Amino acid sequence: MANKKAAKKDILTNKRNKLRNTHFKSLMKTCIKNAESAIENNTKETPSIVKIALKQIDKTASKGIIHKNSAARKKSSLAKKLNKVKG
């Protein structure tokens, strides 16, 4: 258990950040799953759904929750899948 006041504050900060990070990661993963299923089903709204997923990946990376290279990899993977279906 933390003894110093600053250490106790750090515990609270870490808890708050963990909740925030979990929320944004979950949101990002859901958007990616929705985009992949839209690509698989080849629906009419597929490009817009993929665009929403790419935007969410960028948001998550800009907040520092995931690394920028990880975001780039996820975006590239989605774009490849979309392009494979298109042409």
N, C-alpha and C. Protein backbone atom coordinates (compact mmCIF):
# COMPACT_ATOMS: atom_id res chain seq x y z
N MET A 1 0.83 -1.19 0.00
CA MET A 1 0.00 0.00 0.00
C MET A 1 0.88 1.25 0.00
N ALA A 2 0.43 2.26 -0.71
CA ALA A 2 1.19 3.50 -0.81
C ALA A 2 1.18 4.25 0.52
N ASN A 3 2.32 4.85 0.84
CA ASN A 3 2.43 5.60 2.09
C ASN A 3 2.38 7.10 1.86
N LYS A 4 3.00 7.56 0.80
CA LYS A 4 3.08 9.00 0.56
C LYS A 4 1.84 9.50 -0.17
N LYS A 5 1.56 10.78 0.05
CA LYS A 5 0.38 11.40 -0.55
C LYS A 5 0.44 11.36 -2.08
N ALA A 6 1.61 11.63 -2.63
CA ALA A 6 1.79 11.64 -4.09
C ALA A 6 1.55 10.25 -4.68
N ALA A 7 2.00 9.22 -3.97
CA ALA A 7 1.81 7.84 -4.44
C ALA A 7 0.33 7.47 -4.43
N LYS A 8 -0.40 7.96 -3.42
CA LYS A 8 -1.84 7.70 -3.36
C LYS A 8 -2.56 8.40 -4.50
N LYS A 9 -2.12 9.62 -4.83
CA LYS A 9 -2.70 10.35 -5.95
C LYS A 9 -2.41 9.62 -7.26
N ASP A 10 -1.20 9.07 -7.37
CA ASP A 10 -0.84 8.33 -8.58
C ASP A 10 -1.74 7.12 -8.79
N ILE A 11 -2.10 6.46 -7.70
CA ILE A 11 -2.98 5.29 -7.79
C ILE A 11 -4.33 5.71 -8.36
N LEU A 12 -4.85 6.84 -7.89
CA LEU A 12 -6.13 7.33 -8.39
C LEU A 12 -6.04 7.72 -9.86
N THR A 13 -4.94 8.38 -10.22
CA THR A 13 -4.74 8.79 -11.61
C THR A 13 -4.65 7.58 -12.53
N ASN A 14 -3.90 6.58 -12.09
CA ASN A 14 -3.75 5.36 -12.90
C ASN A 14 -5.08 4.66 -13.09
N LYS A 15 -5.90 4.64 -12.05
CA LYS A 15 -7.22 4.02 -12.12
C LYS A 15 -8.10 4.75 -13.14
N ARG A 16 -8.09 6.08 -13.07
CA ARG A 16 -8.89 6.90 -13.98
C ARG A 16 -8.43 6.69 -15.43
N ASN A 17 -7.11 6.71 -15.63
CA ASN A 17 -6.57 6.53 -16.98
C ASN A 17 -6.86 5.14 -17.53
N LYS A 18 -6.82 4.13 -16.66
CA LYS A 18 -7.11 2.76 -17.10
C LYS A 18 -8.54 2.64 -17.60
N LEU A 19 -9.48 3.27 -16.88
CA LEU A 19 -10.87 3.25 -17.31
C LEU A 19 -11.04 3.94 -18.66
N ARG A 20 -10.39 5.09 -18.81
CA ARG A 20 -10.47 5.83 -20.07
C ARG A 20 -9.87 5.01 -21.22
N ASN A 21 -8.70 4.45 -20.98
CA ASN A 21 -8.03 3.67 -22.01
C ASN A 21 -8.85 2.46 -22.42
N THR A 22 -9.43 1.78 -21.43
CA THR A 22 -10.25 0.60 -21.71
C THR A 22 -11.45 0.98 -22.57
N HIS A 23 -12.07 2.11 -22.23
CA HIS A 23 -13.23 2.58 -22.99
C HIS A 23 -12.88 2.83 -24.45
N PHE A 24 -11.81 3.58 -24.68
CA PHE A 24 -11.44 3.92 -26.06
C PHE A 24 -10.95 2.71 -26.85
N LYS A 25 -10.23 1.81 -26.19
CA LYS A 25 -9.78 0.59 -26.88
C LYS A 25 -10.98 -0.27 -27.29
N SER A 26 -11.94 -0.39 -26.39
CA SER A 26 -13.13 -1.18 -26.67
C SER A 26 -13.92 -0.57 -27.82
N LEU A 27 -14.06 0.74 -27.80
CA LEU A 27 -14.76 1.45 -28.87
C LEU A 27 -14.07 1.22 -30.22
N MET A 28 -12.74 1.30 -30.20
CA MET A 28 -11.96 1.10 -31.42
C MET A 28 -12.15 -0.33 -31.95
N LYS A 29 -12.06 -1.31 -31.06
CA LYS A 29 -12.20 -2.70 -31.48
C LYS A 29 -13.58 -2.99 -32.05
N THR A 30 -14.60 -2.38 -31.44
CA THR A 30 -15.97 -2.56 -31.93
C THR A 30 -16.10 -1.98 -33.33
N CYS A 31 -15.54 -0.79 -33.56
CA CYS A 31 -15.60 -0.17 -34.88
C CYS A 31 -14.88 -1.02 -35.92
N ILE A 32 -13.75 -1.59 -35.53
CA ILE A 32 -12.98 -2.44 -36.45
C ILE A 32 -13.80 -3.69 -36.80
N LYS A 33 -14.42 -4.30 -35.80
CA LYS A 33 -15.24 -5.49 -36.05
C LYS A 33 -16.41 -5.16 -36.96
N ASN A 34 -17.05 -4.01 -36.72
CA ASN A 34 -18.16 -3.60 -37.58
C ASN A 34 -17.69 -3.39 -39.02
N ALA A 35 -16.53 -2.78 -39.18
CA ALA A 35 -16.00 -2.53 -40.52
C ALA A 35 -15.66 -3.85 -41.22
N GLU A 36 -15.05 -4.77 -40.49
CA GLU A 36 -14.69 -6.06 -41.09
C GLU A 36 -15.93 -6.85 -41.49
N SER A 37 -16.97 -6.80 -40.67
CA SER A 37 -18.19 -7.52 -41.04
C SER A 37 -18.88 -6.85 -42.22
N ALA A 38 -18.81 -5.52 -42.31
CA ALA A 38 -19.39 -4.81 -43.45
C ALA A 38 -18.63 -5.16 -44.73
N ILE A 39 -17.30 -5.26 -44.62
CA ILE A 39 -16.49 -5.64 -45.78
C ILE A 39 -16.84 -7.06 -46.21
N GLU A 40 -16.99 -7.94 -45.23
CA GLU A 40 -17.30 -9.34 -45.52
C GLU A 40 -18.66 -9.48 -46.21
N ASN A 41 -19.65 -8.71 -45.74
CA ASN A 41 -20.98 -8.78 -46.31
C ASN A 41 -21.13 -7.91 -47.56
N ASN A 42 -20.14 -7.07 -47.81
CA ASN A 42 -20.10 -6.19 -48.98
C ASN A 42 -21.39 -5.36 -49.10
N THR A 43 -21.70 -4.64 -48.04
CA THR A 43 -22.90 -3.81 -48.02
C THR A 43 -22.68 -2.49 -48.74
N LYS A 44 -23.75 -1.77 -48.92
CA LYS A 44 -23.71 -0.49 -49.62
C LYS A 44 -22.94 0.57 -48.82
N GLU A 45 -23.06 0.52 -47.49
CA GLU A 45 -22.45 1.52 -46.62
C GLU A 45 -21.03 1.16 -46.18
N THR A 46 -20.44 0.16 -46.77
CA THR A 46 -19.12 -0.31 -46.35
C THR A 46 -18.07 0.80 -46.29
N PRO A 47 -17.91 1.63 -47.34
CA PRO A 47 -16.87 2.67 -47.25
C PRO A 47 -17.07 3.64 -46.09
N SER A 48 -18.30 4.00 -45.81
CA SER A 48 -18.53 4.94 -44.71
C SER A 48 -18.26 4.28 -43.36
N ILE A 49 -18.58 3.00 -43.23
CA ILE A 49 -18.32 2.28 -41.98
C ILE A 49 -16.82 2.14 -41.75
N VAL A 50 -16.10 1.85 -42.82
CA VAL A 50 -14.64 1.74 -42.72
C VAL A 50 -14.05 3.10 -42.36
N LYS A 51 -14.58 4.16 -42.94
CA LYS A 51 -14.10 5.51 -42.65
C LYS A 51 -14.27 5.84 -41.17
N ILE A 52 -15.39 5.45 -40.59
CA ILE A 52 -15.65 5.67 -39.16
C ILE A 52 -14.62 4.90 -38.33
N ALA A 53 -14.33 3.68 -38.73
CA ALA A 53 -13.35 2.85 -38.01
C ALA A 53 -11.96 3.48 -38.07
N LEU A 54 -11.58 3.97 -39.25
CA LEU A 54 -10.26 4.60 -39.41
C LEU A 54 -10.17 5.85 -38.53
N LYS A 55 -11.24 6.61 -38.47
CA LYS A 55 -11.27 7.81 -37.64
C LYS A 55 -11.12 7.45 -36.17
N GLN A 56 -11.78 6.38 -35.74
CA GLN A 56 -11.70 5.96 -34.35
C GLN A 56 -10.29 5.47 -34.01
N ILE A 57 -9.65 4.78 -34.94
CA ILE A 57 -8.27 4.33 -34.73
C ILE A 57 -7.36 5.54 -34.56
N ASP A 58 -7.54 6.56 -35.40
CA ASP A 58 -6.75 7.78 -35.29
C ASP A 58 -6.96 8.48 -33.95
N LYS A 59 -8.20 8.55 -33.51
CA LYS A 59 -8.51 9.18 -32.22
C LYS A 59 -7.79 8.46 -31.08
N THR A 60 -7.85 7.14 -31.11
CA THR A 60 -7.24 6.35 -30.06
C THR A 60 -5.73 6.54 -30.04
N ALA A 61 -5.13 6.63 -31.21
CA ALA A 61 -3.68 6.83 -31.30
C ALA A 61 -3.30 8.24 -30.86
N SER A 62 -4.12 9.22 -31.22
CA SER A 62 -3.79 10.61 -30.88
C SER A 62 -3.85 10.85 -29.37
N LYS A 63 -4.65 10.06 -28.66
CA LYS A 63 -4.73 10.18 -27.22
C LYS A 63 -3.60 9.41 -26.52
N GLY A 64 -2.80 8.70 -27.31
CA GLY A 64 -1.67 7.97 -26.74
C GLY A 64 -2.06 6.63 -26.14
N ILE A 65 -3.24 6.15 -26.47
CA ILE A 65 -3.71 4.88 -25.90
C ILE A 65 -3.08 3.71 -26.63
N ILE A 66 -2.92 3.84 -27.95
CA ILE A 66 -2.16 2.85 -28.71
C ILE A 66 -1.04 3.59 -29.43
N HIS A 67 0.00 2.87 -29.79
CA HIS A 67 1.15 3.47 -30.48
C HIS A 67 0.77 3.83 -31.91
N LYS A 68 1.41 4.86 -32.43
CA LYS A 68 1.06 5.32 -33.78
C LYS A 68 1.35 4.27 -34.84
N ASN A 69 2.38 3.46 -34.64
CA ASN A 69 2.67 2.41 -35.62
C ASN A 69 1.62 1.30 -35.56
N SER A 70 1.11 1.04 -34.38
CA SER A 70 0.04 0.06 -34.22
C SER A 70 -1.22 0.54 -34.93
N ALA A 71 -1.49 1.84 -34.79
CA ALA A 71 -2.65 2.43 -35.48
C ALA A 71 -2.47 2.34 -36.99
N ALA A 72 -1.28 2.63 -37.46
CA ALA A 72 -1.01 2.57 -38.90
C ALA A 72 -1.20 1.16 -39.43
N ARG A 73 -0.77 0.18 -38.64
CA ARG A 73 -0.90 -1.23 -39.04
C ARG A 73 -2.38 -1.63 -39.13
N LYS A 74 -3.16 -1.21 -38.14
CA LYS A 74 -4.59 -1.53 -38.14
C LYS A 74 -5.30 -0.87 -39.32
N LYS A 75 -4.96 0.40 -39.60
CA LYS A 75 -5.58 1.12 -40.70
C LYS A 75 -5.20 0.49 -42.04
N SER A 76 -3.94 0.11 -42.18
CA SER A 76 -3.47 -0.52 -43.40
C SER A 76 -4.19 -1.83 -43.65
N SER A 77 -4.36 -2.60 -42.60
CA SER A 77 -5.04 -3.89 -42.71
C SER A 77 -6.47 -3.71 -43.18
N LEU A 78 -7.18 -2.74 -42.60
CA LEU A 78 -8.56 -2.48 -43.02
C LEU A 78 -8.61 -2.01 -44.48
N ALA A 79 -7.70 -1.14 -44.84
CA ALA A 79 -7.68 -0.61 -46.21
C ALA A 79 -7.42 -1.73 -47.22
N LYS A 80 -6.52 -2.65 -46.88
CA LYS A 80 -6.22 -3.79 -47.75
C LYS A 80 -7.46 -4.65 -47.97
N LYS A 81 -8.16 -4.92 -46.87
CA LYS A 81 -9.37 -5.75 -46.97
C LYS A 81 -10.43 -5.08 -47.82
N LEU A 82 -10.58 -3.75 -47.65
CA LEU A 82 -11.57 -3.01 -48.41
C LEU A 82 -11.20 -3.00 -49.89
N ASN A 83 -9.93 -2.78 -50.20
CA ASN A 83 -9.48 -2.73 -51.60
C ASN A 83 -9.61 -4.09 -52.28
N LYS A 84 -9.42 -5.15 -51.52
CA LYS A 84 -9.53 -6.49 -52.08
C LYS A 84 -10.98 -6.74 -52.52
N VAL A 85 -11.94 -6.26 -51.76
CA VAL A 85 -13.35 -6.44 -52.10
C VAL A 85 -13.75 -5.54 -53.27
N LYS A 86 -13.22 -4.32 -53.29
CA LYS A 86 -13.57 -3.35 -54.34
C LYS A 86 -13.12 -3.81 -55.72
N GLY A 87 -11.86 -4.20 -55.80
CA GLY A 87 -11.36 -4.48 -57.13
C GLY A 87 -10.45 -5.60 -57.14
